[in-house]
Amino acid sequence: MMHNWNNGGWGWGAWLAMGFMMVLFWGAIVAVIIVAIRSYGHRPEGSPTSGAGTEDDALRVLDARFARGEIDAEEYTSRRDLLRKR
């Protein structure tokens, strides 16, 4: 006895469409994960942890070190002058 599997069943087009939809689904999941990781790791420009220190930040640190007595007046003025030249 022979059975005709295409009689009333899905053709090759339906299986192809299901495979394509599965690839799209998992691709979307991976894309969402990548976007979430990238946005989590992003720091605003002005944040202290961004690594993009400004001249004002450096001068504030220098002022604080001088106020605490970590550096003397000569070192303070030379470093301040160097920072202002940039």
PDB file of N, CA and C in Angstrom:
ATOM      1  N   MET A   1       0.833  -1.154   0.000  1.00  0.00           N
ATOM      2  CA  MET A   1       0.000   0.000   0.000  1.00  0.00           C
ATOM      3  C   MET A   1       0.895   1.239   0.000  1.00  0.00           C
ATOM      4  N   MET A   2       0.633   2.202  -0.839  1.00  0.00           N
ATOM      5  CA  MET A   2       1.429   3.420  -0.937  1.00  0.00           C
ATOM      6  C   MET A   2       0.640   4.599  -0.384  1.00  0.00           C
ATOM      7  N   HIS A   3       1.331   5.429   0.356  1.00  0.00           N
ATOM      8  CA  HIS A   3       0.709   6.635   0.884  1.00  0.00           C
ATOM      9  C   HIS A   3       1.276   7.838   0.152  1.00  0.00           C
ATOM     10  N   ASN A   4       0.418   8.758  -0.173  1.00  0.00           N
ATOM     11  CA  ASN A   4       0.832   9.994  -0.818  1.00  0.00           C
ATOM     12  C   ASN A   4       0.981  11.050   0.262  1.00  0.00           C
ATOM     13  N   TRP A   5       2.203  11.359   0.642  1.00  0.00           N
ATOM     14  CA  TRP A   5       2.445  12.281   1.748  1.00  0.00           C
ATOM     15  C   TRP A   5       2.084  13.711   1.390  1.00  0.00           C
ATOM     16  N   ASN A   6       2.049  14.091   0.148  1.00  0.00           N
ATOM     17  CA  ASN A   6       1.698  15.452  -0.245  1.00  0.00           C
ATOM     18  C   ASN A   6       0.198  15.663  -0.336  1.00  0.00           C
ATOM     19  N   ASN A   7      -0.556  14.635  -0.250  1.00  0.00           N
ATOM     20  CA  ASN A   7      -2.015  14.760  -0.338  1.00  0.00           C
ATOM     21  C   ASN A   7      -2.546  15.346   0.971  1.00  0.00           C
ATOM     22  N   GLY A   8      -2.896  16.622   0.977  1.00  0.00           N
ATOM     23  CA  GLY A   8      -3.422  17.272   2.150  1.00  0.00           C
ATOM     24  C   GLY A   8      -2.358  17.696   3.144  1.00  0.00           C
ATOM     25  N   GLY A   9      -1.087  17.491   2.851  1.00  0.00           N
ATOM     26  CA  GLY A   9       0.000  17.869   3.767  1.00  0.00           C
ATOM     27  C   GLY A   9       0.659  19.156   3.317  1.00  0.00           C
ATOM     28  N   TRP A  10       1.629  19.529   4.057  1.00  0.00           N
ATOM     29  CA  TRP A  10       2.356  20.741   3.710  1.00  0.00           C
ATOM     30  C   TRP A  10       3.350  20.442   2.607  1.00  0.00           C
ATOM     31  N   GLY A  11       3.518  21.384   1.725  1.00  0.00           N
ATOM     32  CA  GLY A  11       4.496  21.238   0.663  1.00  0.00           C
ATOM     33  C   GLY A  11       5.851  21.759   1.116  1.00  0.00           C
ATOM     34  N   TRP A  12       6.822  21.712   0.222  1.00  0.00           N
ATOM     35  CA  TRP A  12       8.166  22.162   0.556  1.00  0.00           C
ATOM     36  C   TRP A  12       8.216  23.651   0.854  1.00  0.00           C
ATOM     37  N   GLY A  13       7.306  24.435   0.289  1.00  0.00           N
ATOM     38  CA  GLY A  13       7.278  25.881   0.523  1.00  0.00           C
ATOM     39  C   GLY A  13       6.976  26.222   1.972  1.00  0.00           C
ATOM     40  N   ALA A  14       6.080  25.450   2.587  1.00  0.00           N
ATOM     41  CA  ALA A  14       5.737  25.700   3.990  1.00  0.00           C
ATOM     42  C   ALA A  14       6.918  25.382   4.890  1.00  0.00           C
ATOM     43  N   TRP A  15       7.627  24.309   4.605  1.00  0.00           N
ATOM     44  CA  TRP A  15       8.799  23.963   5.411  1.00  0.00           C
ATOM     45  C   TRP A  15       9.902  25.001   5.244  1.00  0.00           C
ATOM     46  N   LEU A  16      10.069  25.493   4.039  1.00  0.00           N
ATOM     47  CA  LEU A  16      11.051  26.548   3.776  1.00  0.00           C
ATOM     48  C   LEU A  16      10.689  27.821   4.536  1.00  0.00           C
ATOM     49  N   ALA A  17       9.405  28.172   4.528  1.00  0.00           N
ATOM     50  CA  ALA A  17       8.951  29.364   5.253  1.00  0.00           C
ATOM     51  C   ALA A  17       9.166  29.206   6.757  1.00  0.00           C
ATOM     52  N   MET A  18       8.906  28.011   7.296  1.00  0.00           N
ATOM     53  CA  MET A  18       9.114  27.787   8.726  1.00  0.00           C
ATOM     54  C   MET A  18      10.599  27.912   9.088  1.00  0.00           C
ATOM     55  N   GLY A  19      11.455  27.391   8.261  1.00  0.00           N
ATOM     56  CA  GLY A  19      12.893  27.508   8.512  1.00  0.00           C
ATOM     57  C   GLY A  19      13.343  28.962   8.466  1.00  0.00           C
ATOM     58  N   PHE A  20      12.844  29.707   7.496  1.00  0.00           N
ATOM     59  CA  PHE A  20      13.180  31.119   7.377  1.00  0.00           C
ATOM     60  C   PHE A  20      12.692  31.906   8.592  1.00  0.00           C
ATOM     61  N   MET A  21      11.486  31.622   9.058  1.00  0.00           N
ATOM     62  CA  MET A  21      10.941  32.311  10.224  1.00  0.00           C
ATOM     63  C   MET A  21      11.741  31.970  11.483  1.00  0.00           C
ATOM     64  N   MET A  22      12.229  30.749  11.588  1.00  0.00           N
ATOM     65  CA  MET A  22      13.034  30.371  12.742  1.00  0.00           C
ATOM     66  C   MET A  22      14.354  31.148  12.745  1.00  0.00           C
ATOM     67  N   VAL A  23      14.975  31.287  11.578  1.00  0.00           N
ATOM     68  CA  VAL A  23      16.206  32.062  11.471  1.00  0.00           C
ATOM     69  C   VAL A  23      15.942  33.522  11.842  1.00  0.00           C
ATOM     70  N   LEU A  24      14.842  34.090  11.373  1.00  0.00           N
ATOM     71  CA  LEU A  24      14.485  35.466  11.737  1.00  0.00           C
ATOM     72  C   LEU A  24      14.253  35.609  13.239  1.00  0.00           C
ATOM     73  N   PHE A  25      13.559  34.657  13.838  1.00  0.00           N
ATOM     74  CA  PHE A  25      13.277  34.712  15.268  1.00  0.00           C
ATOM     75  C   PHE A  25      14.563  34.717  16.083  1.00  0.00           C
ATOM     76  N   TRP A  26      15.464  33.771  15.818  1.00  0.00           N
ATOM     77  CA  TRP A  26      16.696  33.709  16.589  1.00  0.00           C
ATOM     78  C   TRP A  26      17.614  34.881  16.277  1.00  0.00           C
ATOM     79  N   GLY A  27      17.571  35.372  15.059  1.00  0.00           N
ATOM     80  CA  GLY A  27      18.342  36.571  14.716  1.00  0.00           C
ATOM     81  C   GLY A  27      17.856  37.784  15.497  1.00  0.00           C
ATOM     82  N   ALA A  28      16.532  37.906  15.669  1.00  0.00           N
ATOM     83  CA  ALA A  28      15.983  39.009  16.451  1.00  0.00           C
ATOM     84  C   ALA A  28      16.380  38.889  17.921  1.00  0.00           C
ATOM     85  N   ILE A  29      16.371  37.683  18.453  1.00  0.00           N
ATOM     86  CA  ILE A  29      16.775  37.474  19.846  1.00  0.00           C
ATOM     87  C   ILE A  29      18.240  37.887  20.037  1.00  0.00           C
ATOM     88  N   VAL A  30      19.108  37.470  19.141  1.00  0.00           N
ATOM     89  CA  VAL A  30      20.524  37.828  19.229  1.00  0.00           C
ATOM     90  C   VAL A  30      20.708  39.334  19.098  1.00  0.00           C
ATOM     91  N   ALA A  31      19.961  39.974  18.183  1.00  0.00           N
ATOM     92  CA  ALA A  31      20.062  41.424  17.999  1.00  0.00           C
ATOM     93  C   ALA A  31      19.645  42.171  19.265  1.00  0.00           C
ATOM     94  N   VAL A  32      18.590  41.723  19.922  1.00  0.00           N
ATOM     95  CA  VAL A  32      18.135  42.368  21.164  1.00  0.00           C
ATOM     96  C   VAL A  32      19.203  42.233  22.250  1.00  0.00           C
ATOM     97  N   ILE A  33      19.814  41.075  22.341  1.00  0.00           N
ATOM     98  CA  ILE A  33      20.860  40.869  23.345  1.00  0.00           C
ATOM     99  C   ILE A  33      22.061  41.768  23.063  1.00  0.00           C
ATOM    100  N   ILE A  34      22.465  41.886  21.812  1.00  0.00           N
ATOM    101  CA  ILE A  34      23.606  42.732  21.454  1.00  0.00           C
ATOM    102  C   ILE A  34      23.308  44.195  21.763  1.00  0.00           C
ATOM    103  N   VAL A  35      22.108  44.663  21.411  1.00  0.00           N
ATOM    104  CA  VAL A  35      21.735  46.051  21.696  1.00  0.00           C
ATOM    105  C   VAL A  35      21.704  46.301  23.202  1.00  0.00           C
ATOM    106  N   ALA A  36      21.189  45.348  23.966  1.00  0.00           N
ATOM    107  CA  ALA A  36      21.132  45.508  25.421  1.00  0.00           C
ATOM    108  C   ALA A  36      22.533  45.584  26.019  1.00  0.00           C
ATOM    109  N   ILE A  37      23.449  44.757  25.541  1.00  0.00           N
ATOM    110  CA  ILE A  37      24.818  44.772  26.057  1.00  0.00           C
ATOM    111  C   ILE A  37      25.516  46.077  25.700  1.00  0.00           C
ATOM    112  N   ARG A  38      25.340  46.534  24.479  1.00  0.00           N
ATOM    113  CA  ARG A  38      25.982  47.785  24.065  1.00  0.00           C
ATOM    114  C   ARG A  38      25.426  48.986  24.815  1.00  0.00           C
ATOM    115  N   SER A  39      24.119  49.028  25.034  1.00  0.00           N
ATOM    116  CA  SER A  39      23.546  50.177  25.738  1.00  0.00           C
ATOM    117  C   SER A  39      23.899  50.140  27.216  1.00  0.00           C
ATOM    118  N   TYR A  40      24.062  48.970  27.788  1.00  0.00           N
ATOM    119  CA  TYR A  40      24.451  48.859  29.192  1.00  0.00           C
ATOM    120  C   TYR A  40      25.882  49.347  29.392  1.00  0.00           C
ATOM    121  N   GLY A  41      26.750  49.070  28.455  1.00  0.00           N
ATOM    122  CA  GLY A  41      28.147  49.463  28.567  1.00  0.00           C
ATOM    123  C   GLY A  41      28.413  50.911  28.200  1.00  0.00           C
ATOM    124  N   HIS A  42      27.442  51.618  27.643  1.00  0.00           N
ATOM    125  CA  HIS A  42      27.631  53.000  27.207  1.00  0.00           C
ATOM    126  C   HIS A  42      27.596  53.940  28.407  1.00  0.00           C
ATOM    127  N   ARG A  43      28.547  54.835  28.466  1.00  0.00           N
ATOM    128  CA  ARG A  43      28.599  55.848  29.515  1.00  0.00           C
ATOM    129  C   ARG A  43      28.424  57.220  28.870  1.00  0.00           C
ATOM    130  N   PRO A  44      27.693  58.099  29.509  1.00  0.00           N
ATOM    131  CA  PRO A  44      27.564  59.460  28.974  1.00  0.00           C
ATOM    132  C   PRO A  44      28.915  60.162  28.920  1.00  0.00           C
ATOM    133  N   GLU A  45      29.031  61.142  28.045  1.00  0.00           N
ATOM    134  CA  GLU A  45      30.295  61.847  27.833  1.00  0.00           C
ATOM    135  C   GLU A  45      30.817  62.510  29.106  1.00  0.00           C
ATOM    136  N   GLY A  46      29.951  63.095  29.898  1.00  0.00           N
ATOM    137  CA  GLY A  46      30.387  63.865  31.044  1.00  0.00           C
ATOM    138  C   GLY A  46      30.618  63.065  32.304  1.00  0.00           C
ATOM    139  N   SER A  47      30.403  61.766  32.256  1.00  0.00           N
ATOM    140  CA  SER A  47      30.544  60.963  33.470  1.00  0.00           C
ATOM    141  C   SER A  47      32.011  60.785  33.817  1.00  0.00           C
ATOM    142  N   PRO A  48      32.331  60.706  35.098  1.00  0.00           N
ATOM    143  CA  PRO A  48      33.723  60.566  35.492  1.00  0.00           C
ATOM    144  C   PRO A  48      34.351  59.251  35.060  1.00  0.00           C
ATOM    145  N   THR A  49      33.561  58.216  34.818  1.00  0.00           N
ATOM    146  CA  THR A  49      34.108  56.924  34.428  1.00  0.00           C
ATOM    147  C   THR A  49      34.255  56.773  32.928  1.00  0.00           C
ATOM    148  N   SER A  50      33.902  57.801  32.156  1.00  0.00           N
ATOM    149  CA  SER A  50      33.948  57.660  30.707  1.00  0.00           C
ATOM    150  C   SER A  50      35.362  57.723  30.147  1.00  0.00           C
ATOM    151  N   GLY A  51      36.338  58.203  30.935  1.00  0.00           N
ATOM    152  CA  GLY A  51      37.705  58.259  30.450  1.00  0.00           C
ATOM    153  C   GLY A  51      38.006  59.519  29.673  1.00  0.00           C
ATOM    154  N   ALA A  52      37.014  60.346  29.411  1.00  0.00           N
ATOM    155  CA  ALA A  52      37.212  61.581  28.662  1.00  0.00           C
ATOM    156  C   ALA A  52      37.261  62.738  29.648  1.00  0.00           C
ATOM    157  N   GLY A  53      38.356  62.817  30.411  1.00  0.00           N
ATOM    158  CA  GLY A  53      38.490  63.873  31.404  1.00  0.00           C
ATOM    159  C   GLY A  53      38.685  65.217  30.735  1.00  0.00           C
ATOM    160  N   THR A  54      38.153  66.242  31.347  1.00  0.00           N
ATOM    161  CA  THR A  54      38.301  67.576  30.793  1.00  0.00           C
ATOM    162  C   THR A  54      39.354  68.332  31.580  1.00  0.00           C
ATOM    163  N   GLU A  55      39.697  69.489  31.085  1.00  0.00           N
ATOM    164  CA  GLU A  55      40.689  70.326  31.744  1.00  0.00           C
ATOM    165  C   GLU A  55      40.198  70.745  33.127  1.00  0.00           C
ATOM    166  N   ASP A  56      38.899  71.017  33.244  1.00  0.00           N
ATOM    167  CA  ASP A  56      38.343  71.418  34.539  1.00  0.00           C
ATOM    168  C   ASP A  56      38.491  70.309  35.574  1.00  0.00           C
ATOM    169  N   ASP A  57      38.256  69.077  35.166  1.00  0.00           N
ATOM    170  CA  ASP A  57      38.407  67.949  36.094  1.00  0.00           C
ATOM    171  C   ASP A  57      39.848  67.824  36.570  1.00  0.00           C
ATOM    172  N   ALA A  58      40.775  67.963  35.648  1.00  0.00           N
ATOM    173  CA  ALA A  58      42.190  67.845  36.005  1.00  0.00           C
ATOM    174  C   ALA A  58      42.598  68.974  36.945  1.00  0.00           C
ATOM    175  N   LEU A  59      42.104  70.170  36.684  1.00  0.00           N
ATOM    176  CA  LEU A  59      42.435  71.297  37.558  1.00  0.00           C
ATOM    177  C   LEU A  59      41.828  71.119  38.949  1.00  0.00           C
ATOM    178  N   ARG A  60      40.626  70.566  39.012  1.00  0.00           N
ATOM    179  CA  ARG A  60      40.005  70.319  40.320  1.00  0.00           C
ATOM    180  C   ARG A  60      40.814  69.299  41.124  1.00  0.00           C
ATOM    181  N   VAL A  61      41.287  68.270  40.467  1.00  0.00           N
ATOM    182  CA  VAL A  61      42.103  67.272  41.152  1.00  0.00           C
ATOM    183  C   VAL A  61      43.411  67.899  41.622  1.00  0.00           C
ATOM    184  N   LEU A  62      44.001  68.707  40.749  1.00  0.00           N
ATOM    185  CA  LEU A  62      45.248  69.377  41.113  1.00  0.00           C
ATOM    186  C   LEU A  62      45.037  70.316  42.302  1.00  0.00           C
ATOM    187  N   ASP A  63      43.946  71.076  42.280  1.00  0.00           N
ATOM    188  CA  ASP A  63      43.632  71.972  43.408  1.00  0.00           C
ATOM    189  C   ASP A  63      43.454  71.182  44.703  1.00  0.00           C
ATOM    190  N   ALA A  64      42.770  70.039  44.617  1.00  0.00           N
ATOM    191  CA  ALA A  64      42.531  69.227  45.812  1.00  0.00           C
ATOM    192  C   ALA A  64      43.844  68.663  46.350  1.00  0.00           C
ATOM    193  N   ARG A  65      44.732  68.225  45.473  1.00  0.00           N
ATOM    194  CA  ARG A  65      46.026  67.700  45.925  1.00  0.00           C
ATOM    195  C   ARG A  65      46.853  68.792  46.594  1.00  0.00           C
ATOM    196  N   PHE A  66      46.793  69.991  46.037  1.00  0.00           N
ATOM    197  CA  PHE A  66      47.531  71.103  46.641  1.00  0.00           C
ATOM    198  C   PHE A  66      46.929  71.473  47.998  1.00  0.00           C
ATOM    199  N   ALA A  67      45.608  71.463  48.081  1.00  0.00           N
ATOM    200  CA  ALA A  67      44.945  71.795  49.344  1.00  0.00           C
ATOM    201  C   ALA A  67      45.253  70.761  50.425  1.00  0.00           C
ATOM    202  N   ARG A  68      45.388  69.503  50.055  1.00  0.00           N
ATOM    203  CA  ARG A  68      45.712  68.457  51.037  1.00  0.00           C
ATOM    204  C   ARG A  68      47.190  68.441  51.405  1.00  0.00           C
ATOM    205  N   GLY A  69      48.001  69.192  50.673  1.00  0.00           N
ATOM    206  CA  GLY A  69      49.424  69.244  50.967  1.00  0.00           C
ATOM    207  C   GLY A  69      50.224  68.138  50.316  1.00  0.00           C
ATOM    208  N   GLU A  70      49.633  67.451  49.320  1.00  0.00           N
ATOM    209  CA  GLU A  70      50.353  66.373  48.646  1.00  0.00           C
ATOM    210  C   GLU A  70      51.449  66.907  47.723  1.00  0.00           C
ATOM    211  N   ILE A  71      51.251  68.111  47.202  1.00  0.00           N
ATOM    212  CA  ILE A  71      52.247  68.722  46.316  1.00  0.00           C
ATOM    213  C   ILE A  71      52.550  70.121  46.832  1.00  0.00           C
ATOM    214  N   ASP A  72      53.747  70.628  46.508  1.00  0.00           N
ATOM    215  CA  ASP A  72      54.116  71.972  46.956  1.00  0.00           C
ATOM    216  C   ASP A  72      53.687  73.009  45.911  1.00  0.00           C
ATOM    217  N   ALA A  73      53.910  74.284  46.233  1.00  0.00           N
ATOM    218  CA  ALA A  73      53.454  75.383  45.376  1.00  0.00           C
ATOM    219  C   ALA A  73      54.149  75.370  44.020  1.00  0.00           C
ATOM    220  N   GLU A  74      55.418  75.027  44.002  1.00  0.00           N
ATOM    221  CA  GLU A  74      56.165  75.009  42.733  1.00  0.00           C
ATOM    222  C   GLU A  74      55.607  73.941  41.784  1.00  0.00           C
ATOM    223  N   GLU A  75      55.398  72.755  42.301  1.00  0.00           N
ATOM    224  CA  GLU A  75      54.842  71.681  41.478  1.00  0.00           C
ATOM    225  C   GLU A  75      53.414  72.015  41.035  1.00  0.00           C
ATOM    226  N   TYR A  76      52.652  72.622  41.930  1.00  0.00           N
ATOM    227  CA  TYR A  76      51.276  73.018  41.605  1.00  0.00           C
ATOM    228  C   TYR A  76      51.243  73.993  40.430  1.00  0.00           C
ATOM    229  N   THR A  77      52.071  75.034  40.495  1.00  0.00           N
ATOM    230  CA  THR A  77      52.046  76.037  39.421  1.00  0.00           C
ATOM    231  C   THR A  77      52.566  75.462  38.106  1.00  0.00           C
ATOM    232  N   SER A  78      53.583  74.612  38.161  1.00  0.00           N
ATOM    233  CA  SER A  78      54.086  74.046  36.901  1.00  0.00           C
ATOM    234  C   SER A  78      53.059  73.118  36.256  1.00  0.00           C
ATOM    235  N   ARG A  79      52.406  72.304  37.052  1.00  0.00           N
ATOM    236  CA  ARG A  79      51.378  71.408  36.490  1.00  0.00           C
ATOM    237  C   ARG A  79      50.165  72.184  36.009  1.00  0.00           C
ATOM    238  N   ARG A  80      49.777  73.219  36.746  1.00  0.00           N
ATOM    239  CA  ARG A  80      48.645  74.051  36.314  1.00  0.00           C
ATOM    240  C   ARG A  80      48.938  74.715  34.983  1.00  0.00           C
ATOM    241  N   ASP A  81      50.153  75.231  34.832  1.00  0.00           N
ATOM    242  CA  ASP A  81      50.543  75.864  33.572  1.00  0.00           C
ATOM    243  C   ASP A  81      50.525  74.863  32.434  1.00  0.00           C
ATOM    244  N   LEU A  82      50.988  73.648  32.676  1.00  0.00           N
ATOM    245  CA  LEU A  82      50.950  72.607  31.641  1.00  0.00           C
ATOM    246  C   LEU A  82      49.509  72.282  31.225  1.00  0.00           C
ATOM    247  N   LEU A  83      48.630  72.208  32.201  1.00  0.00           N
ATOM    248  CA  LEU A  83      47.223  71.888  31.883  1.00  0.00           C
ATOM    249  C   LEU A  83      46.553  73.015  31.103  1.00  0.00           C
ATOM    250  N   ARG A  84      46.894  74.221  31.400  1.00  0.00           N
ATOM    251  CA  ARG A  84      46.268  75.364  30.727  1.00  0.00           C
ATOM    252  C   ARG A  84      46.785  75.532  29.314  1.00  0.00           C
ATOM    253  N   LYS A  85      47.968  75.013  28.999  1.00  0.00           N
ATOM    254  CA  LYS A  85      48.524  75.127  27.646  1.00  0.00           C
ATOM    255  C   LYS A  85      47.764  74.265  26.648  1.00  0.00           C
ATOM    256  N   ARG A  86      47.119  73.191  27.129  1.00  0.00           N
ATOM    257  CA  ARG A  86      46.427  72.283  26.219  1.00  0.00           C
ATOM    258  C   ARG A  86      45.188  72.872  25.671  1.00  0.00           C
TER     259      ARG A  86
END
